[in-house]
Each structure stands twice: as C-alpha cells, then as structure tokens.
Amino acid sequence: MAEQGRRTVRDLRRGNRAEVVQRLYFDGPLSRQELGAATGLSSGSISNVVAELAADGLLEEAGVVESEGGRPRTLLRVAPASGHLIGIDVGETRVRVELFDLSLGELARAERPLVHHGYDIGRIVGHIREAVADVLREADVSAARLVGVGVGVPGIIDRDGPDGVVVHGQTVGWDAVPLEAMLRESAELPSWVPLFIDNGAKTLGQAEMWFGGGRGASDAVVVLFGSGVSACVVVDGELYGGADSRAVEWGHTTVRVGGRRCRCGSPGCLEAYVGAEAIRERWLESGGPPAAAADEETALATLLAAALPTAGGGAGDTAAAGLLDETAEYLGAGIADLINLFRPERILVGGWAGLLLGPALLPAVRRYAKEYAMHHPAGRVTIDLGTLGADAVTLGAATLPLADFLARGGRHRRHDAPDAGAGPAALLRGQGNWRPVVVERR
C-alpha cells in the first residue's frame, strides 16, 4: 500500500509539472499567481513546481507587471535555449533538415536534393545523417541538448514492428522500410534521443493547426499537394482516428474508373490527375515544350507562366490554360469528396505544388468544389492556401518531439524513466486542458 501511495504522489507531481510547463509554453509569460488561476493548483504547489523547473534551467524571467496594492509580479516563460528540436522533411525533391530552439525559432537548416537519385533509401538515410550533423555544427549545438528528432515521410506508418517504425511507401518504392532502425544505426545521436516518424501530410496538418491557417478551427482538412497528394483530417480538434492513426490516403481515391495509371499502380486515382508528376506528364502528352520534360518544379512553373496572360495583355497558351483548368476541376471534385465525408469548416491547401499553383487555381477550385459537393456542407467551408510556406512539414515534424517533451513536463528522456509522462499521443489528441489549435508561433 505504501508503494502504491508513493507512485500516486509521484504521478501527481509529474502531472502538476506537465500542466505548468504546458501553460507557460502556450500561454506565457505568466506570473505565479496567473499560473495558479490557470491550472487550479495551490500557491504552494506552484512554488514547488516553479522552483524545480528553474533548477532544471527550463524557466527564465520575462519582465514584471505591477499589481494592485502589492509588489510587482515576476513573469515566467519557458526558456527557448533550454532545449533543441530537429525537424526533417523527406520531401519529393529534397531532404530538408532544420534545427529549432524550444520556441520553434529556426537556428540552422540544411538541404539535400533528391532529383537525380529519387527515393533510394540508403541515400536518404545518408542525407539525413549528414544534414543533422551540419545543422548541429552550424549552430554550435551539442546532440546531447536535443529534446528529440521528428521526421515527415511519404507513405503509411506502421508502429507495430519490434525495431520501431516501418514505412510502406508504395508510390516511392518503399516496401516495409525499417526507417527508425536505419536512422538509429546511421545517425550520430545519443541513444536516448527519441525519434518520431510520421506521414508528411500529418506533420503539415499539425503545423498548420498549431501555428498557421488552421488555428481556431475544430474541423479542418489540410491538403498536401506536391508530386503526390494526401491530406490530414482534424475532427473536433483531434487528428482523425487519433494521434496514432494513419494518414488519409486521399490521393488514391478513384476519380475516374479506368483512368490514368497512378504511381501506386491503380487506375484513375486523384493523384494521377493532380499530382505534380502527373501534371508534368499530361503536359508532355499534350505536346508541351521542352521545358515540360524538366524537373517537376521547373515544369510546373513554366506551365503556369505559359497559361497566364502576357504582360502586354495577350492571352496565354490555351493548351496550358486548359490543362490547369482541368487540374482545378479534378482537385475541386476531390475536395468536394472531403467536404461531403468530413464536413470541415476549413480546408487549407499546402505543399510545394499547392503553394506554387494555388494562387492561380484556387478560384476555380472553389467553384468546382461547390459544384460537386453537397450544398449544406459546401456552404459552411472555406478553402484557402496554407500560411506556413515551404517549411510547414519540417516545422510540423519538430512538433512531434515537442509534444513528447511537454507531456513529460519538460524532462529530457535522458533524465526520466522510459514510461514517464503522459506521452505525446495524449497531447496530440487534445486531452486535458491543452488545445494546440490556438497556439501562436513565437
């Protein structure tokens, strides 16, 4: 019985610490009195937790505020330099690695192109190892100060393997790739630094919901529009299916029976019509210029320039304009399916191709989505571009170890037992009082 009591007290203290850290991180700076009101903890509990956090170097003073009839109150906040995070985007044209402080301020970045070697997993793992070393060296940060590393990848994530996360990336030729084990073996990181691997569309969605265009929305869809097409669905402030769910493979829903062959091998997928790779191929097939055979980013930029009216007021290339309009119709019809299935209040289009083509396509996409969707849900949804730009997947990947860190009350894993804290899933599901959709990036 005494042992059970000790465990209960320990868990209570750990929960108090996590509550205070989360409040300071998302609502700070706050005074001790404001922390007490926000958390419901007694002044004694607040003093104990604050003293413990300060001793760990996690807190810093952020000024003072005058109080009525008493001494000025000291404001506290989580110290940005007290920990570091790495976010990695295994994208369609490059691997991007960024190092952040705890406030998610960027400290360094490194990129490695994938154009010439595609998705060869050995090369990608090597790129990640080199780029992680580069950003740590550039910022003069020791790997021992890392809170964790998050990675956004294409494909379906399987967490049930004995050696960690396995990735099934059918469209990029990854068949049960043991990515976590490969990164553990390759990356020069302390063994206790946690790795979090998830689908890139989900990390994009997490970033937009925390810091971007999704803030304040309870029901939303964030679309990743690049070489491939995928989506992150948020229902009642939670990732659809929970924090451990697979990404919504929206790009592989059928939009045309017996249609074009998709990268996944099936006919008629949405991705076979609106993915950047498919758009480039369709332009080549329609007799596009030599630039259509270039890499996807160059080809789409050239297509867009050809379709737009000239500076002198002349009409753009009719074939290019027709291809873009057809793409907008397929994309609008696919978005209509999302509207009918999930009835979101907000849809955001991100990804490099979405950000490139979106300003020109969005009016037509909205029109087609309204035409193909049921009237009632279509009447309450807004369709806009994501607001975080090309770094959204990387930023979202960094939130994966951040959520784990906050759930542990700001404890590095090297200082804590493996099962300590609520774990990141509890935070990502929005349990307790913490609501990530109202967070502002600092």
Protein backbone atom coordinates (compact mmCIF):
# COMPACT_ATOMS: atom_id res chain seq x y z
CA MET A 1 0.00 0.00 0.00
CA ALA A 2 2.84 2.40 0.83
CA GLU A 3 4.43 1.72 -2.56
CA GLN A 4 1.11 2.46 -4.27
CA GLY A 5 0.91 5.72 -2.34
CA ARG A 6 4.41 6.72 -3.39
CA ARG A 7 3.56 6.06 -7.02
CA THR A 8 0.42 8.17 -6.72
CA VAL A 9 2.30 11.12 -5.23
CA ARG A 10 4.99 10.84 -7.89
CA ASP A 11 2.39 10.78 -10.65
CA LEU A 12 0.61 13.78 -9.14
CA ARG A 13 3.83 15.80 -9.04
CA ARG A 14 4.64 14.79 -12.59
CA GLY A 15 1.17 15.84 -13.74
CA ASN A 16 1.47 19.19 -11.96
CA ARG A 17 4.81 19.81 -13.61
CA ALA A 18 3.46 18.96 -17.07
CA GLU A 19 0.46 21.25 -16.54
CA VAL A 20 2.64 24.19 -15.54
CA VAL A 21 5.09 23.68 -18.41
CA GLN A 22 2.29 23.49 -20.98
CA ARG A 23 0.58 26.60 -19.61
CA LEU A 24 3.80 28.58 -19.68
CA TYR A 25 4.71 27.35 -23.14
CA PHE A 26 1.40 28.13 -24.83
CA ASP A 27 0.03 30.98 -22.71
CA GLY A 28 3.17 32.51 -21.23
CA PRO A 29 4.74 34.58 -20.00
CA LEU A 30 2.69 34.27 -16.80
CA SER A 31 3.15 35.20 -13.17
CA ARG A 32 2.94 32.61 -10.40
CA GLN A 33 -0.47 33.97 -9.48
CA GLU A 34 -1.70 33.64 -13.06
CA LEU A 35 -0.34 30.11 -13.21
CA GLY A 36 -2.31 29.20 -10.12
CA ALA A 37 -5.53 30.57 -11.58
CA ALA A 38 -4.92 28.86 -14.94
CA THR A 39 -4.04 25.44 -13.53
CA GLY A 40 -6.12 25.32 -10.36
CA LEU A 41 -3.02 24.40 -8.35
CA SER A 42 -2.33 25.83 -4.90
CA SER A 43 0.26 28.54 -4.41
CA GLY A 44 2.45 26.03 -2.60
CA SER A 45 2.29 23.56 -5.50
CA ILE A 46 3.06 26.33 -7.99
CA SER A 47 6.06 27.46 -5.95
CA ASN A 48 7.41 23.91 -5.73
CA VAL A 49 6.99 23.22 -9.45
CA VAL A 50 8.43 26.58 -10.49
CA ALA A 51 11.45 26.07 -8.22
CA GLU A 52 12.02 22.61 -9.72
CA LEU A 53 11.72 23.89 -13.29
CA ALA A 54 14.03 26.81 -12.58
CA ALA A 55 16.60 24.45 -11.07
CA ASP A 56 16.44 22.42 -14.29
CA GLY A 57 17.12 25.57 -16.31
CA LEU A 58 13.78 25.32 -18.13
CA LEU A 59 12.36 28.69 -16.99
CA GLU A 60 13.53 32.26 -17.32
CA GLU A 61 12.16 35.59 -16.16
CA ALA A 62 10.36 37.69 -18.76
CA GLY A 63 9.80 41.00 -17.02
CA VAL A 64 7.50 42.19 -14.27
CA VAL A 65 3.95 43.52 -14.05
CA GLU A 66 2.57 45.89 -11.46
CA SER A 67 -0.02 44.53 -9.05
CA GLU A 68 -2.69 46.44 -7.16
CA GLY A 69 -1.53 47.16 -3.65
CA GLY A 70 1.38 44.72 -3.67
CA ARG A 71 4.81 44.00 -5.00
CA PRO A 72 5.36 43.73 -8.77
CA ARG A 73 4.86 40.21 -10.06
CA THR A 74 7.61 38.46 -11.96
CA LEU A 75 6.62 36.92 -15.30
CA LEU A 76 7.96 33.50 -16.23
CA ARG A 77 8.32 31.69 -19.54
CA VAL A 78 9.91 28.54 -20.93
CA ALA A 79 13.49 29.41 -21.89
CA PRO A 80 13.87 28.93 -25.66
CA ALA A 81 17.54 27.94 -25.32
CA SER A 82 16.86 25.23 -22.72
CA GLY A 83 16.37 22.58 -25.40
CA HIS A 84 16.61 21.97 -29.14
CA LEU A 85 14.49 20.13 -31.69
CA ILE A 86 15.19 18.81 -35.17
CA GLY A 87 12.50 18.59 -37.85
CA ILE A 88 13.11 16.60 -41.05
CA ASP A 89 11.06 16.64 -44.24
CA VAL A 90 11.75 13.75 -46.62
CA GLY A 91 10.08 15.57 -49.47
CA GLU A 92 9.59 14.82 -53.12
CA THR A 93 12.51 16.84 -54.43
CA ARG A 94 14.79 17.21 -51.40
CA VAL A 95 15.50 16.28 -47.82
CA ARG A 96 15.21 19.35 -45.61
CA VAL A 97 16.56 19.35 -42.03
CA GLU A 98 16.03 22.25 -39.62
CA LEU A 99 17.24 22.84 -36.08
CA PHE A 100 14.93 24.79 -33.75
CA ASP A 101 15.04 26.11 -30.22
CA LEU A 102 12.13 25.35 -27.89
CA SER A 103 10.14 28.34 -29.16
CA LEU A 104 10.48 26.83 -32.65
CA GLY A 105 12.75 29.61 -33.77
CA GLU A 106 14.96 28.32 -36.58
CA LEU A 107 18.68 28.10 -35.73
CA ALA A 108 20.07 26.31 -38.79
CA ARG A 109 18.99 24.37 -41.87
CA ALA A 110 20.47 22.03 -44.47
CA GLU A 111 19.04 20.56 -47.67
CA ARG A 112 20.00 17.66 -49.92
CA PRO A 113 18.45 17.28 -53.41
CA LEU A 114 16.75 14.03 -54.45
CA VAL A 115 16.16 14.81 -58.12
CA HIS A 116 18.86 12.57 -59.58
CA HIS A 117 18.61 9.61 -57.22
CA GLY A 118 14.93 9.52 -56.33
CA TYR A 119 13.91 7.71 -53.17
CA ASP A 120 16.86 5.37 -52.75
CA ILE A 121 16.53 4.72 -49.04
CA GLY A 122 20.26 4.30 -48.43
CA ARG A 123 21.00 7.71 -49.92
CA ILE A 124 18.16 9.35 -48.00
CA VAL A 125 19.38 7.95 -44.69
CA GLY A 126 22.86 9.19 -45.56
CA HIS A 127 21.49 12.64 -46.44
CA ILE A 128 19.72 12.80 -43.07
CA ARG A 129 22.86 11.78 -41.18
CA GLU A 130 24.97 14.42 -42.93
CA ALA A 131 22.37 17.19 -42.69
CA VAL A 132 21.75 16.59 -38.97
CA ALA A 133 25.49 16.86 -38.35
CA ASP A 134 25.61 20.03 -40.45
CA VAL A 135 22.87 21.90 -38.56
CA LEU A 136 24.27 20.95 -35.17
CA ARG A 137 27.72 22.13 -36.22
CA GLU A 138 26.43 25.36 -37.79
CA ALA A 139 24.51 26.32 -34.64
CA ASP A 140 27.25 25.00 -32.32
CA VAL A 141 24.72 22.81 -30.51
CA SER A 142 25.63 19.52 -28.87
CA ALA A 143 23.50 16.50 -29.78
CA ALA A 144 23.18 15.93 -26.04
CA ARG A 145 20.93 19.02 -25.84
CA LEU A 146 18.39 17.62 -28.30
CA VAL A 147 14.88 17.09 -26.99
CA GLY A 148 14.17 14.84 -29.98
CA VAL A 149 14.01 14.45 -33.74
CA GLY A 150 10.84 14.38 -35.85
CA VAL A 151 10.67 13.07 -39.41
CA GLY A 152 7.92 13.53 -42.02
CA VAL A 153 7.93 10.90 -44.79
CA PRO A 154 5.72 9.72 -47.66
CA GLY A 155 3.73 6.54 -47.12
CA ILE A 156 1.86 4.58 -44.47
CA ILE A 157 3.40 4.35 -41.00
CA ASP A 158 3.47 1.01 -39.16
CA ARG A 159 4.49 1.24 -35.49
CA ASP A 160 3.98 -2.41 -34.57
CA GLY A 161 7.38 -3.76 -35.61
CA PRO A 162 9.89 -4.93 -33.00
CA ASP A 163 12.54 -2.48 -34.25
CA GLY A 164 10.42 0.65 -34.41
CA VAL A 165 8.64 2.44 -37.22
CA VAL A 166 8.35 0.74 -40.61
CA VAL A 167 7.29 2.79 -43.65
CA HIS A 168 5.20 1.42 -46.52
CA GLY A 169 5.67 3.92 -49.36
CA GLN A 170 4.10 2.22 -52.35
CA THR A 171 4.33 5.28 -54.60
CA VAL A 172 8.05 5.77 -53.95
CA GLY A 173 9.11 2.14 -53.98
CA TRP A 174 9.45 1.66 -50.22
CA ASP A 175 8.30 -1.81 -49.20
CA ALA A 176 8.31 -2.18 -45.42
CA VAL A 177 11.37 0.05 -44.94
CA PRO A 178 12.60 -0.18 -41.29
CA LEU A 179 13.33 3.53 -41.25
CA GLU A 180 13.62 4.02 -37.50
CA ALA A 181 16.16 1.21 -37.17
CA MET A 182 18.13 2.53 -40.16
CA LEU A 183 18.24 6.05 -38.73
CA ARG A 184 19.24 4.76 -35.31
CA GLU A 185 22.12 2.86 -36.85
CA SER A 186 23.23 5.71 -39.11
CA ALA A 187 22.66 8.97 -37.26
CA GLU A 188 25.31 10.03 -34.77
CA LEU A 189 22.91 10.78 -31.94
CA PRO A 190 22.80 9.69 -28.29
CA SER A 191 20.73 6.53 -27.89
CA TRP A 192 18.24 8.25 -25.61
CA VAL A 193 17.31 10.99 -28.14
CA PRO A 194 13.82 9.98 -29.30
CA LEU A 195 12.91 9.65 -32.97
CA PHE A 196 9.33 10.36 -34.09
CA ILE A 197 8.38 9.37 -37.64
CA ASP A 198 5.05 10.19 -39.24
CA ASN A 199 3.42 10.82 -42.59
CA GLY A 200 4.35 14.19 -44.10
CA ALA A 201 0.71 15.18 -44.61
CA LYS A 202 0.09 14.73 -40.90
CA THR A 203 3.10 16.83 -39.91
CA LEU A 204 1.95 19.51 -42.38
CA GLY A 205 -1.51 19.42 -40.83
CA GLN A 206 -0.13 19.57 -37.30
CA ALA A 207 1.93 22.68 -38.17
CA GLU A 208 -0.99 24.49 -39.83
CA MET A 209 -3.32 23.67 -36.94
CA TRP A 210 -0.85 24.82 -34.27
CA PHE A 211 0.71 27.85 -35.92
CA GLY A 212 -0.88 28.53 -39.31
CA GLY A 213 -4.17 28.85 -41.13
CA GLY A 214 -5.89 26.14 -39.08
CA ARG A 215 -5.69 27.96 -35.74
CA GLY A 216 -9.08 28.20 -34.07
CA ALA A 217 -10.75 25.58 -36.28
CA SER A 218 -12.26 22.44 -34.75
CA ASP A 219 -12.94 20.64 -38.03
CA ALA A 220 -10.43 21.08 -40.80
CA VAL A 221 -8.61 19.35 -43.64
CA VAL A 222 -5.04 20.22 -44.61
CA VAL A 223 -4.10 19.07 -48.11
CA LEU A 224 -0.54 18.19 -49.10
CA PHE A 225 -0.29 18.91 -52.84
CA GLY A 226 3.10 18.05 -54.30
CA SER A 227 4.35 15.25 -56.54
CA GLY A 228 1.82 13.17 -54.67
CA VAL A 229 -1.40 14.16 -52.95
CA SER A 230 -2.51 13.41 -49.40
CA ALA A 231 -4.49 15.00 -46.57
CA CYS A 232 -4.64 15.42 -42.81
CA VAL A 233 -8.16 15.46 -41.36
CA VAL A 234 -8.93 17.08 -38.00
CA VAL A 235 -12.32 16.40 -36.37
CA ASP A 236 -13.35 18.11 -33.12
CA GLY A 237 -9.79 19.37 -32.69
CA GLU A 238 -8.27 15.89 -32.96
CA LEU A 239 -6.48 14.09 -35.76
CA TYR A 240 -8.99 11.83 -37.49
CA GLY A 241 -8.70 8.39 -35.94
CA GLY A 242 -6.45 9.62 -33.12
CA ALA A 243 -2.81 10.60 -32.86
CA ASP A 244 -1.62 7.13 -33.89
CA SER A 245 -3.83 6.86 -36.96
CA ARG A 246 -2.55 6.53 -40.49
CA ALA A 247 -2.74 9.46 -42.90
CA VAL A 248 -5.80 9.79 -45.10
CA GLU A 249 -4.69 8.43 -48.49
CA TRP A 250 -6.99 10.85 -50.26
CA GLY A 251 -4.78 10.98 -53.35
CA HIS A 252 -5.56 7.34 -54.01
CA THR A 253 -9.32 7.65 -54.10
CA THR A 254 -10.73 6.89 -57.55
CA VAL A 255 -11.91 9.88 -59.58
CA ARG A 256 -12.14 8.17 -62.95
CA VAL A 257 -12.94 4.48 -63.48
CA GLY A 258 -10.42 3.00 -65.89
CA GLY A 259 -8.49 6.26 -65.88
CA ARG A 260 -4.79 7.08 -65.94
CA ARG A 261 -2.44 4.71 -64.16
CA CYS A 262 -1.27 6.16 -60.83
CA ARG A 263 2.17 5.83 -59.28
CA CYS A 264 0.62 3.37 -56.83
CA GLY A 265 -0.30 1.08 -59.73
CA SER A 266 -4.07 1.58 -59.64
CA PRO A 267 -6.07 3.26 -62.41
CA GLY A 268 -7.96 6.53 -62.01
CA CYS A 269 -6.55 7.85 -58.71
CA LEU A 270 -6.88 11.55 -57.94
CA GLU A 271 -3.09 11.74 -57.75
CA ALA A 272 -2.86 10.55 -61.37
CA TYR A 273 -4.54 13.80 -62.41
CA VAL A 274 -3.48 16.47 -59.91
CA GLY A 275 -0.11 15.30 -58.57
CA ALA A 276 2.79 17.43 -59.85
CA GLU A 277 4.38 14.44 -61.57
CA ALA A 278 1.09 13.66 -63.32
CA ILE A 279 0.57 17.29 -64.41
CA ARG A 280 4.02 17.34 -65.98
CA GLU A 281 3.35 14.07 -67.80
CA ARG A 282 -0.01 15.29 -69.09
CA TRP A 283 1.62 18.45 -70.41
CA LEU A 284 4.22 16.38 -72.26
CA GLU A 285 1.50 14.19 -73.71
CA SER A 286 -0.38 17.24 -74.99
CA GLY A 287 2.69 18.47 -76.87
CA GLY A 288 4.18 20.76 -74.25
CA PRO A 289 7.53 22.48 -74.91
CA PRO A 290 10.93 21.02 -73.96
CA ALA A 291 10.62 22.66 -70.51
CA ALA A 292 7.82 20.19 -69.78
CA ALA A 293 10.47 17.46 -69.60
CA ALA A 294 12.42 19.29 -66.87
CA ASP A 295 12.16 18.52 -63.17
CA GLU A 296 8.68 18.90 -61.70
CA GLU A 297 9.20 22.28 -60.06
CA THR A 298 10.64 23.82 -63.24
CA ALA A 299 7.95 22.21 -65.40
CA LEU A 300 5.06 23.46 -63.26
CA ALA A 301 6.49 26.97 -63.01
CA THR A 302 6.87 27.07 -66.81
CA LEU A 303 3.35 25.70 -67.30
CA LEU A 304 1.93 28.37 -65.02
CA ALA A 305 3.82 31.15 -66.81
CA ALA A 306 2.62 29.86 -70.20
CA ALA A 307 -1.03 29.72 -69.10
CA LEU A 308 -1.20 33.24 -67.66
CA PRO A 309 -1.97 36.29 -69.82
CA THR A 310 1.09 38.08 -71.17
CA ALA A 311 2.35 41.39 -69.80
CA GLY A 312 1.03 43.09 -72.94
CA GLY A 313 -2.49 41.85 -72.30
CA GLY A 314 -2.40 38.93 -74.72
CA ALA A 315 -3.96 35.58 -73.94
CA GLY A 316 -1.82 32.82 -72.50
CA ASP A 317 -1.23 29.47 -74.14
CA THR A 318 -4.66 27.87 -74.50
CA ALA A 319 -3.40 24.31 -74.06
CA ALA A 320 -1.57 25.20 -70.86
CA ALA A 321 -4.58 27.12 -69.54
CA GLY A 322 -6.88 24.21 -70.39
CA LEU A 323 -4.63 21.75 -68.57
CA LEU A 324 -4.61 23.93 -65.45
CA ASP A 325 -8.39 24.30 -65.53
CA GLU A 326 -8.80 20.54 -65.85
CA THR A 327 -6.44 20.10 -62.92
CA ALA A 328 -8.52 22.58 -60.90
CA GLU A 329 -11.67 20.62 -61.70
CA TYR A 330 -10.20 17.31 -60.56
CA LEU A 331 -8.81 18.95 -57.43
CA GLY A 332 -12.14 20.66 -56.73
CA ALA A 333 -14.00 17.38 -57.18
CA GLY A 334 -11.59 15.64 -54.81
CA ILE A 335 -12.03 18.41 -52.25
CA ALA A 336 -15.80 18.04 -52.64
CA ASP A 337 -15.41 14.42 -51.51
CA LEU A 338 -13.61 15.63 -48.39
CA ILE A 339 -16.39 18.16 -47.78
CA ASN A 340 -19.11 15.52 -48.11
CA LEU A 341 -17.27 12.98 -45.94
CA PHE A 342 -15.98 15.17 -43.10
CA ARG A 343 -17.93 18.47 -43.32
CA PRO A 344 -14.94 20.64 -42.30
CA GLU A 345 -15.25 24.32 -41.61
CA ARG A 346 -11.86 24.98 -43.18
CA ILE A 347 -9.72 23.41 -45.92
CA LEU A 348 -6.12 24.50 -46.41
CA VAL A 349 -4.01 23.63 -49.44
CA GLY A 350 -0.27 23.31 -48.82
CA GLY A 351 2.73 21.52 -50.27
CA TRP A 352 5.16 23.00 -52.78
CA ALA A 353 2.89 22.47 -55.81
CA GLY A 354 -0.12 23.79 -53.92
CA LEU A 355 1.75 26.94 -52.94
CA LEU A 356 3.07 27.37 -56.49
CA LEU A 357 -0.19 26.81 -58.39
CA GLY A 358 -2.66 27.71 -55.66
CA PRO A 359 -2.93 31.47 -56.22
CA ALA A 360 -3.87 30.85 -59.87
CA LEU A 361 -6.02 27.73 -59.35
CA LEU A 362 -7.86 28.49 -56.11
CA PRO A 363 -10.78 30.50 -57.57
CA ALA A 364 -11.57 27.66 -59.99
CA VAL A 365 -11.01 25.02 -57.30
CA ARG A 366 -13.53 26.75 -55.03
CA ARG A 367 -16.04 26.94 -57.86
CA TYR A 368 -15.68 23.26 -58.78
CA ALA A 369 -15.74 22.13 -55.16
CA LYS A 370 -19.02 23.94 -54.63
CA GLU A 371 -20.43 22.40 -57.81
CA TYR A 372 -19.52 18.82 -56.85
CA ALA A 373 -20.21 18.95 -53.09
CA MET A 374 -23.50 18.76 -51.20
CA HIS A 375 -24.92 22.26 -50.79
CA HIS A 376 -25.17 22.41 -47.00
CA PRO A 377 -21.59 21.39 -46.07
CA ALA A 378 -20.21 23.34 -49.05
CA GLY A 379 -21.92 26.47 -47.74
CA ARG A 380 -20.03 26.44 -44.43
CA VAL A 381 -16.49 25.66 -45.59
CA THR A 382 -13.67 27.99 -46.60
CA ILE A 383 -10.90 26.87 -48.96
CA ASP A 384 -7.60 28.73 -48.71
CA LEU A 385 -3.86 28.24 -49.01
CA GLY A 386 -1.78 27.18 -46.04
CA THR A 387 0.09 30.04 -44.41
CA LEU A 388 3.38 28.46 -43.32
CA GLY A 389 5.06 28.11 -46.69
CA ALA A 390 7.57 25.51 -47.79
CA ASP A 391 8.83 24.79 -44.24
CA ALA A 392 5.49 23.58 -42.89
CA VAL A 393 6.28 19.85 -42.99
CA THR A 394 9.64 20.41 -41.28
CA LEU A 395 8.07 22.60 -38.62
CA GLY A 396 5.31 20.05 -38.09
CA ALA A 397 7.87 17.28 -37.74
CA ALA A 398 9.54 19.25 -34.95
CA THR A 399 6.25 19.40 -33.04
CA LEU A 400 6.33 15.62 -32.62
CA PRO A 401 9.25 15.60 -30.14
CA LEU A 402 7.98 18.89 -28.70
CA ALA A 403 4.67 17.26 -27.75
CA ASP A 404 6.53 14.42 -26.06
CA PHE A 405 8.74 16.88 -24.18
CA LEU A 406 5.77 18.87 -22.91
CA ALA A 407 3.90 15.72 -21.90
CA ARG A 408 6.92 14.80 -19.78
CA GLY A 409 6.80 18.14 -18.00
CA GLY A 410 9.87 19.43 -19.81
CA ARG A 411 12.09 16.50 -18.91
CA HIS A 412 14.68 15.22 -21.34
CA ARG A 413 14.43 11.49 -21.79
CA ARG A 414 17.94 11.04 -20.50
CA HIS A 415 16.66 12.26 -17.12
CA ASP A 416 13.44 10.30 -16.99
CA ALA A 417 12.20 6.74 -16.94
CA PRO A 418 11.08 5.40 -20.34
CA ASP A 419 7.41 5.40 -19.35
CA ALA A 420 7.35 8.76 -17.58
CA GLY A 421 4.79 11.34 -18.54
CA ALA A 422 1.56 11.10 -20.48
CA GLY A 423 3.35 10.62 -23.80
CA PRO A 424 2.86 12.66 -26.97
CA ALA A 425 -0.32 10.87 -28.00
CA ALA A 426 -2.25 12.38 -25.09
CA LEU A 427 -1.24 15.88 -26.13
CA LEU A 428 -1.86 15.32 -29.83
CA ARG A 429 -5.36 14.09 -29.03
CA GLY A 430 -6.03 17.31 -27.15
CA GLN A 431 -6.63 15.62 -23.79
CA GLY A 432 -6.75 17.70 -20.64
CA ASN A 433 -6.89 21.48 -20.87
CA TRP A 434 -4.34 21.87 -23.62
CA ARG A 435 -5.68 22.87 -27.04
CA PRO A 436 -2.98 23.13 -29.72
CA VAL A 437 -5.16 24.83 -32.32
CA VAL A 438 -4.95 28.19 -30.55
CA VAL A 439 -1.18 28.36 -30.34
CA GLU A 440 0.72 31.25 -31.90
CA ARG A 441 4.24 30.62 -33.17
CA ARG A 442 6.80 32.82 -31.47
